[in-house]
Amino acid sequence: MEKIRQLVNNLIDTNTFSLRKLQDIYQGKKDDNATIYSIWEEYMQGKLNEGKAGSARCNKDVYRRFVKDMGKDVALADIDKAFVQEWVKRMKKSGLGVTTIAIGLRSFRTIVNICISRGLVKGDTKEMFKDSGYNKSQSRKHEFLDTATMRMLYDFWKKDEAVDENGDELYMPREKQAIFRDLGLFLFMYLGDGQNLADTLRLIYDDWYYSTHGKQMRFLRHKTRDRNESASEVIFPITPELKAILDKYGNEPRLGRRVFPIMSDEITPEQEVWVIQRYNRHIREHMKKVADMLGMEQKPSPTWARHSFATNLNNSGVVPYKYISDSMGHSGNGDITSNYIGAYPLAKMLEYNHYLLDSNPPKVKTKKVDNKQLIEMLMGLSEEEKKAIVDALS
């Protein structure tokens, strides 16, 4: 059954499932016309048919790199451990980084696994990709901005001024507006529980927004929603800072409407990927200009918003790890009961997210005690209790 499950999933991934094809593969009948290229193309088309344009686009980039490095005449029989090592060698020679090579190998391994399940390639990928750098990636722990820097960025955005030491405007009005808009989006991603740009641009006013009277928002992380939908759900509070950003750049709330007027509701998944990539570049360019104006050494990209959210809440020493994990859509273990438990109380969310812009504990409003009630309470104490209070005060 496990073998059949794997075969079925592989055929679904490449959009080629049929009972006859499943039977042929299970019985060891090979597709003599199949090549590594045709199977890869089937896989990409299957992703497009599922609406996963981002995954298809990533695979297309890796596919082009593969063809450039290894050519168009690779036979299925050529694919073994030595072949993988040779491709890694050529990618390194081209100057590709560790992370880029790892992404390429992950995509290629998926295709090779499909070939193995169909009996077209011999061996197993565990051995084939051993010592190839398949699981390696460069650490990005340094890619974060601390709480004080994030507060500085927010205050700069709120002031909405870009002038030199003489008070002269540094940018034309249109460019200045774009710079501050993208800084606002960066801050929204950070304050909105470390969102990815793709999730920010796809964010809509849904039922949750209205059921909480506009105090919270919810979304399913696009990157992981198909792996585990319960684990990809993120609910975040609309803090006063987020509200300020929404008021300036957001659409007028309407059920089902996108929060930001950047990506149309009618565009195709392929067009969505193009818009997300374009704005990712815009934000990176504009954050560099912001960093230059503020004299910052670091030049943050959109991904820094997510890293900063996790790092700053963790460094607070107060916020529980589970809250950070839940807020980033990382938790979820198949526990059915958790599906019936509501989100964290709004007050607790606001308390924890307070540490995103302030390292000091949030101020707690204390209820003023009536003097008459206090005297009555003290009169009811025993002599020993009264003496203990006097000793403590002295």
Protein backbone atom coordinates (compact mmCIF):
# COMPACT_ATOMS: atom_id res chain seq x y z
CA MET A 1 0.00 0.00 0.00
CA GLU A 2 2.87 2.38 0.77
CA LYS A 3 4.35 1.74 -2.68
CA ILE A 4 0.98 2.36 -4.35
CA ARG A 5 0.48 5.56 -2.36
CA GLN A 6 3.85 6.86 -3.53
CA LEU A 7 3.13 5.93 -7.16
CA VAL A 8 -0.29 7.61 -7.06
CA ASN A 9 1.11 10.81 -5.54
CA ASN A 10 3.90 10.97 -8.12
CA LEU A 11 1.43 10.59 -10.98
CA ILE A 12 -0.81 13.27 -9.47
CA ASP A 13 2.17 15.60 -9.11
CA THR A 14 2.86 15.31 -12.83
CA ASN A 15 -0.84 15.50 -13.75
CA THR A 16 -0.64 12.09 -15.50
CA PHE A 17 -2.69 9.89 -13.21
CA SER A 18 -4.82 7.09 -14.63
CA LEU A 19 -5.60 3.60 -13.35
CA ARG A 20 -3.98 2.08 -16.45
CA LYS A 21 -0.76 4.03 -15.96
CA LEU A 22 -0.69 3.11 -12.27
CA GLN A 23 -1.11 -0.55 -13.20
CA ASP A 24 1.64 -0.40 -15.82
CA ILE A 25 4.11 1.19 -13.43
CA TYR A 26 3.22 -1.20 -10.61
CA GLN A 27 3.80 -4.16 -12.92
CA GLY A 28 7.15 -2.78 -13.99
CA LYS A 29 6.21 -1.60 -17.50
CA LYS A 30 8.39 1.34 -18.49
CA ASP A 31 7.45 4.37 -20.53
CA ASP A 32 10.05 4.08 -23.30
CA ASN A 33 9.37 7.62 -24.49
CA ALA A 34 9.97 9.25 -21.11
CA THR A 35 13.03 11.41 -20.47
CA ILE A 36 14.21 13.41 -17.47
CA TYR A 37 13.08 16.48 -19.40
CA SER A 38 9.57 15.22 -20.25
CA ILE A 39 8.93 14.11 -16.67
CA TRP A 40 10.18 17.45 -15.33
CA GLU A 41 7.91 19.30 -17.79
CA GLU A 42 4.95 17.13 -16.75
CA TYR A 43 5.66 17.96 -13.12
CA MET A 44 5.78 21.71 -13.80
CA GLN A 45 2.55 21.57 -15.76
CA GLY A 46 0.92 19.66 -12.91
CA LYS A 47 1.92 22.43 -10.49
CA LEU A 48 0.46 25.06 -12.82
CA ASN A 49 -2.80 23.09 -13.07
CA GLU A 50 -2.98 23.06 -9.26
CA GLY A 51 -2.57 26.84 -9.15
CA LYS A 52 0.93 26.59 -7.66
CA ALA A 53 2.54 29.07 -10.02
CA GLY A 54 5.34 29.88 -7.58
CA SER A 55 6.44 26.24 -7.35
CA ALA A 56 6.20 25.88 -11.13
CA ARG A 57 8.26 29.03 -11.64
CA CYS A 58 10.97 27.85 -9.20
CA ASN A 59 11.17 24.49 -10.96
CA LYS A 60 11.36 26.20 -14.34
CA ASP A 61 14.36 28.25 -13.18
CA VAL A 62 16.11 25.11 -11.90
CA TYR A 63 15.20 23.24 -15.11
CA ARG A 64 16.84 25.97 -17.21
CA ARG A 65 19.94 25.85 -15.00
CA PHE A 66 20.06 22.05 -15.41
CA VAL A 67 19.85 22.29 -19.22
CA LYS A 68 22.49 25.04 -19.28
CA ASP A 69 24.90 23.04 -17.13
CA MET A 70 24.24 19.47 -18.29
CA GLY A 71 22.74 19.88 -21.77
CA LYS A 72 19.66 18.41 -23.45
CA ASP A 73 20.99 14.89 -24.00
CA VAL A 74 21.04 13.46 -20.49
CA ALA A 75 19.75 9.87 -20.53
CA LEU A 76 17.88 8.44 -17.57
CA ALA A 77 20.58 5.79 -17.29
CA ASP A 78 23.18 8.55 -16.77
CA ILE A 79 21.63 9.72 -13.50
CA ASP A 80 23.54 8.40 -10.51
CA LYS A 81 25.64 9.74 -7.63
CA ALA A 82 28.55 10.68 -9.92
CA PHE A 83 26.15 12.61 -12.17
CA VAL A 84 24.77 14.61 -9.22
CA GLN A 85 28.30 15.40 -8.00
CA GLU A 86 29.27 16.58 -11.48
CA TRP A 87 26.30 18.96 -11.64
CA VAL A 88 27.19 20.36 -8.21
CA LYS A 89 30.75 20.91 -9.43
CA ARG A 90 29.52 22.84 -12.47
CA MET A 91 27.12 24.98 -10.40
CA LYS A 92 29.94 25.91 -8.03
CA LYS A 93 32.15 26.77 -11.00
CA SER A 94 29.39 29.14 -12.20
CA GLY A 95 29.61 30.98 -8.88
CA LEU A 96 26.29 29.86 -7.40
CA GLY A 97 25.92 30.08 -3.63
CA VAL A 98 25.28 27.20 -1.24
CA THR A 99 21.59 28.04 -0.81
CA THR A 100 20.94 28.33 -4.57
CA ILE A 101 22.64 24.99 -5.20
CA ALA A 102 20.61 23.37 -2.40
CA ILE A 103 17.35 24.69 -3.92
CA GLY A 104 18.36 23.28 -7.32
CA LEU A 105 19.19 19.88 -5.85
CA ARG A 106 15.90 19.71 -3.93
CA SER A 107 13.93 20.32 -7.13
CA PHE A 108 16.00 17.80 -9.08
CA ARG A 109 15.68 15.17 -6.33
CA THR A 110 11.88 15.38 -6.55
CA ILE A 111 12.02 14.61 -10.28
CA VAL A 112 14.52 11.76 -9.79
CA ASN A 113 12.24 10.24 -7.14
CA ILE A 114 9.40 10.21 -9.65
CA CYS A 115 11.67 8.47 -12.17
CA ILE A 116 12.71 5.88 -9.57
CA SER A 117 9.08 5.17 -8.63
CA ARG A 118 8.32 4.50 -12.31
CA GLY A 119 11.27 2.16 -12.67
CA LEU A 120 13.08 4.53 -15.04
CA VAL A 121 16.08 5.23 -12.79
CA LYS A 122 17.82 2.70 -10.54
CA GLY A 123 18.99 3.37 -6.99
CA ASP A 124 17.65 5.64 -4.26
CA THR A 125 18.05 9.36 -3.82
CA LYS A 126 19.28 9.07 -0.23
CA GLU A 127 22.52 7.56 -1.47
CA MET A 128 22.53 9.40 -4.79
CA PHE A 129 22.42 12.87 -3.18
CA LYS A 130 24.66 12.04 -0.22
CA ASP A 131 27.39 14.67 0.36
CA SER A 132 26.00 16.78 -2.48
CA GLY A 133 24.94 19.76 -0.37
CA TYR A 134 21.26 18.82 -0.75
CA ASN A 135 20.46 19.78 2.85
CA LYS A 136 22.93 22.62 3.17
CA SER A 137 21.96 26.26 3.29
CA GLN A 138 23.71 29.35 4.53
CA SER A 139 22.62 30.56 7.95
CA ARG A 140 20.45 33.66 7.84
CA LYS A 141 20.25 34.24 11.58
CA HIS A 142 22.05 37.56 11.16
CA GLU A 143 19.32 38.89 8.88
CA PHE A 144 17.22 40.68 11.46
CA LEU A 145 16.71 44.17 12.86
CA ASP A 146 16.44 44.57 16.63
CA THR A 147 13.51 46.17 18.42
CA ALA A 148 15.15 49.59 18.72
CA THR A 149 15.87 49.69 14.98
CA MET A 150 12.31 48.65 14.16
CA ARG A 151 11.00 51.44 16.41
CA MET A 152 13.29 53.88 14.61
CA LEU A 153 11.95 52.72 11.24
CA TYR A 154 8.35 53.05 12.40
CA ASP A 155 8.91 56.54 13.79
CA PHE A 156 10.63 57.53 10.53
CA TRP A 157 7.69 56.17 8.52
CA LYS A 158 5.19 57.99 10.72
CA LYS A 159 7.07 61.30 10.40
CA ASP A 160 6.95 60.93 6.59
CA GLU A 161 9.93 63.19 5.92
CA ALA A 162 12.90 62.61 3.62
CA VAL A 163 15.04 65.74 3.76
CA ASP A 164 18.75 66.55 3.92
CA GLU A 165 20.55 68.55 6.61
CA ASN A 166 19.31 71.78 5.02
CA GLY A 167 15.69 70.66 5.05
CA ASP A 168 15.55 70.14 1.27
CA GLU A 169 13.55 67.23 -0.12
CA LEU A 170 15.73 64.29 -1.16
CA TYR A 171 13.20 62.78 -3.58
CA MET A 172 10.48 63.84 -5.96
CA PRO A 173 6.96 63.42 -4.48
CA ARG A 174 6.13 60.26 -6.46
CA GLU A 175 9.37 58.48 -5.53
CA LYS A 176 9.09 59.55 -1.92
CA GLN A 177 5.55 58.17 -1.76
CA ALA A 178 6.75 54.81 -3.16
CA ILE A 179 9.63 54.64 -0.68
CA PHE A 180 7.40 55.25 2.34
CA ARG A 181 4.69 52.91 1.00
CA ASP A 182 7.19 50.06 0.74
CA LEU A 183 8.61 50.87 4.17
CA GLY A 184 5.02 50.66 5.42
CA LEU A 185 4.59 47.25 3.77
CA PHE A 186 7.84 46.05 5.37
CA LEU A 187 6.62 47.19 8.79
CA PHE A 188 3.21 45.60 8.18
CA MET A 189 4.89 42.26 7.42
CA TYR A 190 6.94 42.54 10.60
CA LEU A 191 4.14 43.65 12.92
CA GLY A 192 1.65 41.26 11.29
CA ASP A 193 3.37 38.20 12.81
CA GLY A 194 6.29 38.08 10.37
CA GLN A 195 4.36 37.58 7.15
CA ASN A 196 5.91 36.73 3.81
CA LEU A 197 5.32 39.35 1.12
CA ALA A 198 3.20 36.86 -0.83
CA ASP A 199 0.80 36.49 2.11
CA THR A 200 0.67 40.26 2.68
CA LEU A 201 -0.30 40.98 -0.92
CA ARG A 202 -2.89 38.15 -0.92
CA LEU A 203 -4.38 39.16 2.45
CA ILE A 204 -8.16 39.73 2.38
CA TYR A 205 -10.83 41.06 4.70
CA ASP A 206 -12.43 37.74 5.65
CA ASP A 207 -15.08 36.59 8.15
CA TRP A 208 -12.56 36.60 10.98
CA TYR A 209 -11.88 40.30 10.51
CA TYR A 210 -15.58 41.10 10.88
CA SER A 211 -16.25 38.63 13.70
CA THR A 212 -13.52 40.36 15.76
CA HIS A 213 -14.90 43.79 14.82
CA GLY A 214 -11.80 44.71 12.85
CA LYS A 215 -9.38 43.92 15.69
CA GLN A 216 -7.72 40.84 14.17
CA MET A 217 -6.86 39.38 10.76
CA ARG A 218 -6.36 35.83 9.59
CA PHE A 219 -4.71 34.11 6.65
CA LEU A 220 -3.35 30.72 5.59
CA ARG A 221 0.34 30.76 4.71
CA HIS A 222 0.42 30.22 0.96
CA LYS A 223 3.76 28.43 1.16
CA THR A 224 2.58 25.65 3.48
CA ARG A 225 -1.21 25.56 3.23
CA ASP A 226 -1.23 22.43 1.05
CA ARG A 227 1.06 20.53 3.42
CA ASN A 228 -0.92 21.11 6.60
CA GLU A 229 -3.75 23.63 6.48
CA SER A 230 -4.26 23.72 10.26
CA ALA A 231 -0.58 24.47 10.80
CA SER A 232 -0.49 27.28 8.25
CA GLU A 233 -3.25 29.39 9.83
CA VAL A 234 -2.04 32.70 11.24
CA ILE A 235 -4.16 35.09 13.33
CA PHE A 236 -2.65 38.41 14.32
CA PRO A 237 -3.88 41.48 16.22
CA ILE A 238 -4.33 44.83 14.52
CA THR A 239 -2.18 47.00 16.76
CA PRO A 240 -2.42 50.81 16.61
CA GLU A 241 0.71 50.83 14.43
CA LEU A 242 -0.80 48.33 11.98
CA LYS A 243 -4.04 50.32 11.96
CA ALA A 244 -2.07 53.45 10.97
CA ILE A 245 -0.50 51.60 8.03
CA LEU A 246 -3.87 50.17 6.95
CA ASP A 247 -5.53 53.58 7.15
CA LYS A 248 -2.90 55.05 4.85
CA TYR A 249 -2.41 52.31 2.24
CA GLY A 250 -5.21 49.75 2.66
CA ASN A 251 -8.43 49.34 0.73
CA GLU A 252 -11.73 50.25 2.33
CA PRO A 253 -12.77 47.09 4.20
CA ARG A 254 -15.19 44.86 2.32
CA LEU A 255 -15.76 41.13 2.77
CA GLY A 256 -13.56 39.15 0.38
CA ARG A 257 -11.65 42.21 -0.78
CA ARG A 258 -7.86 42.32 -0.77
CA VAL A 259 -6.44 44.46 2.02
CA PHE A 260 -3.90 46.26 -0.17
CA PRO A 261 -4.70 47.63 -3.65
CA ILE A 262 -1.55 46.21 -5.17
CA MET A 263 -2.70 42.92 -6.62
CA SER A 264 -6.00 42.68 -8.48
CA ASP A 265 -8.48 39.94 -7.54
CA GLU A 266 -8.83 38.89 -11.19
CA ILE A 267 -5.19 38.18 -12.09
CA THR A 268 -3.93 34.64 -12.78
CA PRO A 269 -1.60 32.72 -10.43
CA GLU A 270 1.26 33.33 -12.92
CA GLN A 271 0.58 37.08 -12.84
CA GLU A 272 0.47 36.98 -9.03
CA VAL A 273 3.99 35.52 -8.94
CA TRP A 274 5.19 38.30 -11.27
CA VAL A 275 3.64 41.03 -9.07
CA ILE A 276 5.09 39.51 -5.88
CA GLN A 277 8.56 39.29 -7.41
CA ARG A 278 8.32 42.89 -8.67
CA TYR A 279 7.30 44.25 -5.28
CA ASN A 280 9.93 42.15 -3.57
CA ARG A 281 12.49 43.97 -5.70
CA HIS A 282 10.87 47.37 -5.06
CA ILE A 283 10.91 46.89 -1.30
CA ARG A 284 14.54 45.76 -1.36
CA GLU A 285 15.56 48.84 -3.37
CA HIS A 286 13.52 51.26 -1.27
CA MET A 287 14.67 49.78 2.06
CA LYS A 288 18.25 50.41 0.93
CA LYS A 289 17.39 54.08 0.42
CA VAL A 290 15.74 54.21 3.85
CA ALA A 291 18.80 52.58 5.41
CA ASP A 292 21.05 55.15 3.73
CA MET A 293 18.93 58.05 5.01
CA LEU A 294 19.07 56.69 8.56
CA GLY A 295 22.75 55.74 8.44
CA MET A 296 22.05 52.02 8.89
CA GLU A 297 24.76 49.51 8.03
CA GLN A 298 22.22 46.76 7.38
CA LYS A 299 20.24 46.76 4.14
CA PRO A 300 17.15 44.67 4.91
CA SER A 301 15.10 42.77 2.35
CA PRO A 302 11.46 41.64 2.84
CA THR A 303 12.54 38.32 4.38
CA TRP A 304 14.14 40.25 7.26
CA ALA A 305 10.66 41.15 8.52
CA ARG A 306 9.93 37.49 9.28
CA HIS A 307 13.33 36.81 10.84
CA SER A 308 13.07 39.97 12.96
CA PHE A 309 9.61 39.06 14.25
CA ALA A 310 10.78 35.67 15.54
CA THR A 311 14.11 36.91 16.87
CA ASN A 312 12.80 39.95 18.73
CA LEU A 313 9.93 38.11 20.43
CA ASN A 314 12.30 35.31 21.40
CA ASN A 315 14.88 37.79 22.72
CA SER A 316 12.27 39.48 24.89
CA GLY A 317 12.64 36.61 27.35
CA VAL A 318 8.93 36.92 28.07
CA VAL A 319 7.01 35.68 25.04
CA PRO A 320 6.46 31.87 25.02
CA TYR A 321 8.05 29.92 22.19
CA LYS A 322 4.67 28.35 21.36
CA TYR A 323 3.16 31.78 20.75
CA ILE A 324 5.97 32.63 18.34
CA SER A 325 5.57 29.29 16.56
CA ASP A 326 1.77 29.60 16.34
CA SER A 327 2.01 33.19 15.12
CA MET A 328 4.33 32.19 12.29
CA GLY A 329 2.15 29.28 11.17
CA HIS A 330 4.77 26.70 12.20
CA SER A 331 2.80 24.70 14.74
CA GLY A 332 0.28 21.96 14.23
CA ASN A 333 0.70 18.29 14.95
CA GLY A 334 -2.56 16.84 13.69
CA ASP A 335 -4.23 17.31 17.06
CA ILE A 336 -7.94 17.43 16.26
CA THR A 337 -8.80 19.14 19.56
CA SER A 338 -6.67 22.16 18.59
CA ASN A 339 -9.05 22.83 15.69
CA TYR A 340 -11.81 23.66 18.20
CA ILE A 341 -9.74 25.95 20.42
CA GLY A 342 -9.90 29.63 19.55
CA ALA A 343 -6.97 31.95 19.00
CA TYR A 344 -5.03 33.61 21.78
CA PRO A 345 -7.09 36.29 23.57
CA LEU A 346 -6.65 39.70 21.97
CA ALA A 347 -5.24 41.18 25.18
CA LYS A 348 -2.55 38.49 25.29
CA MET A 349 -1.70 39.03 21.61
CA LEU A 350 -1.32 42.76 22.17
CA GLU A 351 0.79 42.13 25.26
CA TYR A 352 3.21 39.84 23.42
CA ASN A 353 3.36 41.88 20.20
CA HIS A 354 4.14 44.96 22.29
CA TYR A 355 7.73 43.65 22.40
CA LEU A 356 8.09 44.10 18.63
CA LEU A 357 8.61 47.86 19.05
CA ASP A 358 9.42 48.19 22.74
CA SER A 359 11.76 46.05 24.84
CA ASN A 360 10.20 47.30 28.09
CA PRO A 361 7.17 45.53 29.61
CA PRO A 362 3.81 47.04 28.59
CA LYS A 363 2.31 49.47 31.05
CA VAL A 364 -0.53 47.95 33.02
CA LYS A 365 -3.39 50.17 34.11
CA THR A 366 -4.01 49.71 37.82
CA LYS A 367 -7.42 50.20 39.31
CA LYS A 368 -7.58 53.02 41.85
CA VAL A 369 -8.55 51.75 45.31
CA ASP A 370 -11.16 53.71 47.25
CA ASN A 371 -9.68 54.97 50.58
CA LYS A 372 -12.82 54.10 52.54
CA GLN A 373 -12.77 50.52 51.23
CA LEU A 374 -9.06 50.24 52.07
CA ILE A 375 -9.62 51.39 55.69
CA GLU A 376 -12.49 48.94 56.11
CA MET A 377 -10.29 46.14 54.78
CA LEU A 378 -7.43 47.05 57.17
CA MET A 379 -9.81 47.23 60.14
CA GLY A 380 -10.76 43.62 59.51
CA LEU A 381 -7.18 42.38 59.89
CA SER A 382 -5.83 40.70 63.01
CA GLU A 383 -3.25 42.42 65.25
CA GLU A 384 -0.53 40.13 63.88
CA GLU A 385 -1.46 41.04 60.26
CA LYS A 386 -1.49 44.74 61.06
CA LYS A 387 1.91 44.47 62.75
CA ALA A 388 3.31 42.64 59.71
CA ILE A 389 2.14 45.44 57.41
CA VAL A 390 3.65 48.14 59.65
CA ASP A 391 6.95 46.26 59.80
CA ALA A 392 7.03 45.86 56.02
CA LEU A 393 6.34 49.59 55.46
CA SER A 394 9.03 50.61 57.93
